[in-house]
Amino acid sequence: MQDELPRQQPEFIGVPDTKDVVSSDVAALSNNIARLETELDAEREQRLEERFRWICAMSLVLDVLAVSALDGSWLFVPIFMLQLIVMIGFAKAYGVDWAEQLIGQLLHHLSRQDLNKPKD
């Protein structure tokens, strides 16, 4: 009996190794998943911000109706202050940081304005 040489598979030119194909497919899939997750996060943030803007718009409409119904009454001021506090809560819940800071500064300014009035 002759010693047989181990059989080697012929190497064909232009045929990639299966390990390279699998690893490149996995890398492409991972990149695609990461891109889609980023796009989904951005879409969620945009929708939450849009929802917050609609709440602000409806709030302004209700304010206009309240001013016309109250006929310039002093009750509008506490309602408006309470509305600002609720809007800060919505801004926090929806993750709209710029609105939260802006409303907080406005609320702070309005509360400090009453303290700066001279007392008679």
N, C-alpha and C. Protein backbone atom coordinates (compact mmCIF):
# COMPACT_ATOMS: atom_id res chain seq x y z
N MET A 1 0.82 -1.17 0.00
CA MET A 1 0.00 0.00 0.00
C MET A 1 0.86 1.23 0.00
N GLN A 2 0.37 2.11 -0.74
CA GLN A 2 1.11 3.35 -0.86
C GLN A 2 0.56 4.35 0.15
N ASP A 3 1.48 5.18 0.59
CA ASP A 3 1.03 6.26 1.46
C ASP A 3 0.28 7.28 0.62
N GLU A 4 -0.94 7.47 1.01
CA GLU A 4 -1.74 8.44 0.26
C GLU A 4 -1.53 9.82 0.87
N LEU A 5 -1.40 10.76 0.01
CA LEU A 5 -1.28 12.15 0.45
C LEU A 5 -2.68 12.65 0.84
N PRO A 6 -2.72 13.45 1.87
CA PRO A 6 -4.03 14.00 2.24
C PRO A 6 -4.58 14.84 1.10
N ARG A 7 -5.85 14.71 0.90
CA ARG A 7 -6.49 15.43 -0.19
C ARG A 7 -6.64 16.90 0.17
N GLN A 8 -6.23 17.71 -0.70
CA GLN A 8 -6.39 19.14 -0.52
C GLN A 8 -7.46 19.62 -1.48
N GLN A 9 -8.25 20.50 -0.97
CA GLN A 9 -9.28 21.04 -1.84
C GLN A 9 -8.64 22.07 -2.75
N PRO A 10 -9.03 22.05 -3.98
CA PRO A 10 -8.43 23.01 -4.90
C PRO A 10 -8.89 24.43 -4.57
N GLU A 11 -8.00 25.34 -4.71
CA GLU A 11 -8.32 26.74 -4.48
C GLU A 11 -8.71 27.36 -5.81
N PHE A 12 -9.91 27.86 -5.85
CA PHE A 12 -10.39 28.50 -7.06
C PHE A 12 -10.20 30.00 -6.93
N ILE A 13 -9.81 30.58 -7.98
CA ILE A 13 -9.59 32.01 -8.00
C ILE A 13 -10.96 32.70 -8.04
N GLY A 14 -11.13 33.69 -7.18
CA GLY A 14 -12.36 34.47 -7.18
C GLY A 14 -13.43 33.93 -6.26
N VAL A 15 -13.23 32.82 -5.60
CA VAL A 15 -14.22 32.29 -4.67
C VAL A 15 -13.76 32.67 -3.26
N PRO A 16 -14.52 33.48 -2.58
CA PRO A 16 -14.10 33.90 -1.25
C PRO A 16 -14.24 32.78 -0.24
N ASP A 17 -13.48 32.88 0.80
CA ASP A 17 -13.56 31.93 1.89
C ASP A 17 -14.89 32.15 2.62
N THR A 18 -15.52 31.09 3.05
CA THR A 18 -16.85 31.21 3.68
C THR A 18 -16.79 31.98 4.99
N LYS A 19 -15.68 31.93 5.70
CA LYS A 19 -15.55 32.68 6.94
C LYS A 19 -15.59 34.18 6.66
N ASP A 20 -14.94 34.61 5.58
CA ASP A 20 -14.96 36.02 5.22
C ASP A 20 -16.36 36.47 4.83
N VAL A 21 -17.08 35.62 4.12
CA VAL A 21 -18.44 35.97 3.71
C VAL A 21 -19.33 36.11 4.92
N VAL A 22 -19.25 35.17 5.86
CA VAL A 22 -20.09 35.21 7.05
C VAL A 22 -19.74 36.42 7.90
N SER A 23 -18.46 36.69 8.10
CA SER A 23 -18.07 37.83 8.94
C SER A 23 -18.46 39.15 8.29
N SER A 24 -18.38 39.25 6.98
CA SER A 24 -18.78 40.50 6.32
C SER A 24 -20.30 40.65 6.36
N ASP A 25 -21.04 39.54 6.27
CA ASP A 25 -22.50 39.61 6.40
C ASP A 25 -22.90 40.05 7.80
N VAL A 26 -22.22 39.52 8.81
CA VAL A 26 -22.52 39.89 10.19
C VAL A 26 -22.19 41.36 10.42
N ALA A 27 -21.07 41.82 9.89
CA ALA A 27 -20.69 43.22 10.06
C ALA A 27 -21.69 44.13 9.36
N ALA A 28 -22.11 43.76 8.16
CA ALA A 28 -23.10 44.57 7.43
C ALA A 28 -24.43 44.59 8.17
N LEU A 29 -24.82 43.45 8.72
CA LEU A 29 -26.07 43.36 9.47
C LEU A 29 -25.99 44.20 10.75
N SER A 30 -24.86 44.14 11.43
CA SER A 30 -24.67 44.94 12.65
C SER A 30 -24.72 46.43 12.34
N ASN A 31 -24.07 46.83 11.27
CA ASN A 31 -24.11 48.25 10.88
C ASN A 31 -25.53 48.68 10.53
N ASN A 32 -26.26 47.83 9.85
CA ASN A 32 -27.64 48.15 9.48
C ASN A 32 -28.52 48.26 10.72
N ILE A 33 -28.33 47.36 11.68
CA ILE A 33 -29.10 47.40 12.92
C ILE A 33 -28.81 48.68 13.69
N ALA A 34 -27.54 49.05 13.79
CA ALA A 34 -27.16 50.27 14.50
C ALA A 34 -27.76 51.50 13.83
N ARG A 35 -27.73 51.53 12.50
CA ARG A 35 -28.29 52.68 11.76
C ARG A 35 -29.79 52.77 11.99
N LEU A 36 -30.49 51.64 11.94
CA LEU A 36 -31.93 51.64 12.13
C LEU A 36 -32.32 52.03 13.56
N GLU A 37 -31.54 51.60 14.56
CA GLU A 37 -31.81 52.00 15.94
C GLU A 37 -31.64 53.50 16.11
N THR A 38 -30.61 54.07 15.49
CA THR A 38 -30.39 55.51 15.57
C THR A 38 -31.54 56.27 14.92
N GLU A 39 -31.97 55.80 13.76
CA GLU A 39 -33.09 56.45 13.07
C GLU A 39 -34.37 56.35 13.89
N LEU A 40 -34.60 55.21 14.54
CA LEU A 40 -35.79 55.02 15.36
C LEU A 40 -35.77 55.97 16.56
N ASP A 41 -34.63 56.10 17.21
CA ASP A 41 -34.51 57.02 18.34
C ASP A 41 -34.78 58.46 17.91
N ALA A 42 -34.24 58.85 16.77
CA ALA A 42 -34.46 60.21 16.27
C ALA A 42 -35.94 60.43 15.94
N GLU A 43 -36.58 59.44 15.36
CA GLU A 43 -38.00 59.55 15.02
C GLU A 43 -38.86 59.66 16.28
N ARG A 44 -38.52 58.88 17.29
CA ARG A 44 -39.26 58.96 18.56
C ARG A 44 -39.13 60.34 19.18
N GLU A 45 -37.92 60.89 19.20
CA GLU A 45 -37.71 62.22 19.76
C GLU A 45 -38.48 63.28 18.99
N GLN A 46 -38.51 63.17 17.67
CA GLN A 46 -39.26 64.12 16.86
C GLN A 46 -40.75 64.03 17.15
N ARG A 47 -41.26 62.84 17.29
CA ARG A 47 -42.70 62.67 17.57
C ARG A 47 -43.06 63.21 18.95
N LEU A 48 -42.21 62.97 19.95
CA LEU A 48 -42.48 63.50 21.28
C LEU A 48 -42.44 65.02 21.29
N GLU A 49 -41.48 65.59 20.57
CA GLU A 49 -41.41 67.05 20.49
C GLU A 49 -42.62 67.61 19.75
N GLU A 50 -43.06 66.94 18.70
CA GLU A 50 -44.25 67.39 17.98
C GLU A 50 -45.49 67.31 18.87
N ARG A 51 -45.59 66.25 19.64
CA ARG A 51 -46.71 66.10 20.57
C ARG A 51 -46.71 67.24 21.59
N PHE A 52 -45.52 67.58 22.09
CA PHE A 52 -45.42 68.68 23.05
C PHE A 52 -45.83 70.00 22.40
N ARG A 53 -45.44 70.22 21.15
CA ARG A 53 -45.82 71.46 20.46
C ARG A 53 -47.33 71.54 20.27
N TRP A 54 -47.98 70.40 19.99
CA TRP A 54 -49.43 70.41 19.86
C TRP A 54 -50.09 70.73 21.20
N ILE A 55 -49.54 70.21 22.27
CA ILE A 55 -50.09 70.52 23.60
C ILE A 55 -49.94 72.01 23.88
N CYS A 56 -48.81 72.60 23.54
CA CYS A 56 -48.61 74.04 23.71
C CYS A 56 -49.60 74.84 22.88
N ALA A 57 -49.82 74.43 21.64
CA ALA A 57 -50.75 75.14 20.77
C ALA A 57 -52.18 75.08 21.32
N MET A 58 -52.59 73.91 21.78
CA MET A 58 -53.94 73.79 22.35
C MET A 58 -54.05 74.59 23.65
N SER A 59 -52.96 74.64 24.38
CA SER A 59 -52.93 75.43 25.60
C SER A 59 -53.13 76.91 25.30
N LEU A 60 -52.48 77.40 24.25
CA LEU A 60 -52.66 78.80 23.87
C LEU A 60 -54.08 79.08 23.42
N VAL A 61 -54.68 78.15 22.69
CA VAL A 61 -56.07 78.33 22.27
C VAL A 61 -56.98 78.39 23.49
N LEU A 62 -56.76 77.51 24.45
CA LEU A 62 -57.57 77.54 25.67
C LEU A 62 -57.34 78.81 26.47
N ASP A 63 -56.12 79.33 26.45
CA ASP A 63 -55.84 80.60 27.13
C ASP A 63 -56.63 81.74 26.50
N VAL A 64 -56.66 81.77 25.19
CA VAL A 64 -57.42 82.83 24.50
C VAL A 64 -58.90 82.72 24.85
N LEU A 65 -59.43 81.52 24.88
CA LEU A 65 -60.83 81.32 25.25
C LEU A 65 -61.08 81.71 26.70
N ALA A 66 -60.12 81.38 27.58
CA ALA A 66 -60.28 81.71 28.99
C ALA A 66 -60.24 83.21 29.23
N VAL A 67 -59.36 83.92 28.53
CA VAL A 67 -59.29 85.38 28.69
C VAL A 67 -60.58 86.03 28.22
N SER A 68 -61.11 85.55 27.11
CA SER A 68 -62.37 86.14 26.62
C SER A 68 -63.53 85.79 27.55
N ALA A 69 -63.51 84.60 28.17
CA ALA A 69 -64.59 84.20 29.07
C ALA A 69 -64.49 84.88 30.43
N LEU A 70 -63.26 85.08 30.92
CA LEU A 70 -63.07 85.68 32.24
C LEU A 70 -63.18 87.19 32.20
N ASP A 71 -63.15 87.76 31.02
CA ASP A 71 -63.32 89.20 30.84
C ASP A 71 -62.25 90.00 31.60
N GLY A 72 -61.00 89.57 31.48
CA GLY A 72 -59.89 90.30 32.09
C GLY A 72 -59.81 90.11 33.59
N SER A 73 -60.36 89.06 34.09
CA SER A 73 -60.36 88.81 35.53
C SER A 73 -58.96 88.46 36.01
N TRP A 74 -58.74 88.64 37.29
CA TRP A 74 -57.45 88.32 37.89
C TRP A 74 -57.27 86.80 38.00
N LEU A 75 -58.32 86.01 37.80
CA LEU A 75 -58.21 84.56 37.87
C LEU A 75 -57.31 83.97 36.79
N PHE A 76 -57.10 84.73 35.74
CA PHE A 76 -56.27 84.22 34.65
C PHE A 76 -54.83 84.00 35.09
N VAL A 77 -54.32 84.85 35.98
CA VAL A 77 -52.92 84.76 36.41
C VAL A 77 -52.64 83.43 37.14
N PRO A 78 -53.43 83.03 38.13
CA PRO A 78 -53.14 81.73 38.76
C PRO A 78 -53.33 80.55 37.80
N ILE A 79 -54.30 80.65 36.92
CA ILE A 79 -54.51 79.59 35.93
C ILE A 79 -53.28 79.48 35.02
N PHE A 80 -52.75 80.62 34.60
CA PHE A 80 -51.58 80.64 33.73
C PHE A 80 -50.36 80.07 34.45
N MET A 81 -50.17 80.42 35.72
CA MET A 81 -49.04 79.90 36.49
C MET A 81 -49.15 78.37 36.66
N LEU A 82 -50.36 77.90 36.95
CA LEU A 82 -50.58 76.46 37.07
C LEU A 82 -50.33 75.78 35.73
N GLN A 83 -50.73 76.43 34.67
CA GLN A 83 -50.52 75.87 33.33
C GLN A 83 -49.03 75.76 33.01
N LEU A 84 -48.24 76.75 33.43
CA LEU A 84 -46.79 76.67 33.21
C LEU A 84 -46.17 75.50 33.97
N ILE A 85 -46.66 75.26 35.18
CA ILE A 85 -46.13 74.13 35.96
C ILE A 85 -46.47 72.82 35.28
N VAL A 86 -47.69 72.70 34.77
CA VAL A 86 -48.09 71.49 34.06
C VAL A 86 -47.27 71.33 32.78
N MET A 87 -46.99 72.43 32.09
CA MET A 87 -46.19 72.36 30.87
C MET A 87 -44.75 71.90 31.16
N ILE A 88 -44.21 72.29 32.30
CA ILE A 88 -42.88 71.79 32.69
C ILE A 88 -42.94 70.28 32.87
N GLY A 89 -44.02 69.79 33.48
CA GLY A 89 -44.18 68.35 33.64
C GLY A 89 -44.25 67.63 32.30
N PHE A 90 -45.01 68.19 31.35
CA PHE A 90 -45.07 67.59 30.02
C PHE A 90 -43.71 67.63 29.34
N ALA A 91 -42.99 68.73 29.48
CA ALA A 91 -41.67 68.85 28.86
C ALA A 91 -40.71 67.80 29.42
N LYS A 92 -40.77 67.57 30.72
CA LYS A 92 -39.92 66.54 31.33
C LYS A 92 -40.31 65.15 30.85
N ALA A 93 -41.62 64.90 30.81
CA ALA A 93 -42.10 63.58 30.41
C ALA A 93 -41.75 63.27 28.96
N TYR A 94 -41.80 64.27 28.10
CA TYR A 94 -41.52 64.06 26.68
C TYR A 94 -40.06 64.28 26.33
N GLY A 95 -39.24 64.68 27.29
CA GLY A 95 -37.81 64.83 27.04
C GLY A 95 -37.45 66.04 26.21
N VAL A 96 -38.24 67.10 26.31
CA VAL A 96 -37.98 68.32 25.55
C VAL A 96 -37.25 69.29 26.49
N ASP A 97 -35.93 69.16 26.51
CA ASP A 97 -35.12 69.91 27.47
C ASP A 97 -35.17 71.41 27.25
N TRP A 98 -35.14 71.85 26.00
CA TRP A 98 -35.13 73.29 25.74
C TRP A 98 -36.41 73.94 26.24
N ALA A 99 -37.54 73.26 26.11
CA ALA A 99 -38.81 73.82 26.58
C ALA A 99 -38.86 73.84 28.10
N GLU A 100 -38.34 72.80 28.70
CA GLU A 100 -38.31 72.73 30.16
C GLU A 100 -37.50 73.89 30.73
N GLN A 101 -36.36 74.17 30.16
CA GLN A 101 -35.52 75.28 30.63
C GLN A 101 -36.19 76.62 30.37
N LEU A 102 -36.78 76.78 29.20
CA LEU A 102 -37.42 78.04 28.84
C LEU A 102 -38.61 78.34 29.74
N ILE A 103 -39.46 77.37 29.96
CA ILE A 103 -40.63 77.56 30.82
C ILE A 103 -40.20 77.77 32.27
N GLY A 104 -39.16 77.05 32.70
CA GLY A 104 -38.64 77.25 34.05
C GLY A 104 -38.11 78.66 34.26
N GLN A 105 -37.41 79.19 33.27
CA GLN A 105 -36.91 80.57 33.37
C GLN A 105 -38.05 81.57 33.37
N LEU A 106 -39.08 81.33 32.55
CA LEU A 106 -40.24 82.22 32.53
C LEU A 106 -40.97 82.18 33.86
N LEU A 107 -41.16 81.01 34.40
CA LEU A 107 -41.83 80.87 35.70
C LEU A 107 -41.02 81.55 36.79
N HIS A 108 -39.71 81.39 36.75
CA HIS A 108 -38.84 82.05 37.74
C HIS A 108 -38.93 83.56 37.60
N HIS A 109 -38.92 84.05 36.37
CA HIS A 109 -39.01 85.49 36.14
C HIS A 109 -40.34 86.04 36.64
N LEU A 110 -41.43 85.34 36.39
CA LEU A 110 -42.74 85.81 36.84
C LEU A 110 -42.86 85.78 38.35
N SER A 111 -42.27 84.80 39.00
CA SER A 111 -42.34 84.73 40.46
C SER A 111 -41.45 85.79 41.10
N ARG A 112 -40.33 86.12 40.49
CA ARG A 112 -39.43 87.15 41.03
C ARG A 112 -39.99 88.55 40.80
N GLN A 113 -40.80 88.72 39.78
CA GLN A 113 -41.35 90.03 39.44
C GLN A 113 -42.26 90.53 40.56
N ASP A 114 -42.99 89.66 41.20
CA ASP A 114 -43.88 90.04 42.28
C ASP A 114 -43.10 90.48 43.51
N LEU A 115 -41.94 89.89 43.74
CA LEU A 115 -41.13 90.23 44.91
C LEU A 115 -40.44 91.58 44.76
N ASN A 116 -40.20 92.02 43.55
CA ASN A 116 -39.46 93.27 43.31
C ASN A 116 -40.35 94.50 43.36
N LYS A 117 -41.66 94.35 43.47
CA LYS A 117 -42.56 95.50 43.50
C LYS A 117 -42.38 96.23 44.84
N PRO A 118 -42.35 97.56 44.80
CA PRO A 118 -42.24 98.30 46.05
C PRO A 118 -43.52 98.17 46.87
N LYS A 119 -43.35 98.06 48.17
CA LYS A 119 -44.51 97.93 49.06
C LYS A 119 -44.93 99.33 49.53
N ASP A 120 -46.21 99.56 49.50
CA ASP A 120 -46.73 100.88 49.93
C ASP A 120 -47.11 100.85 51.38
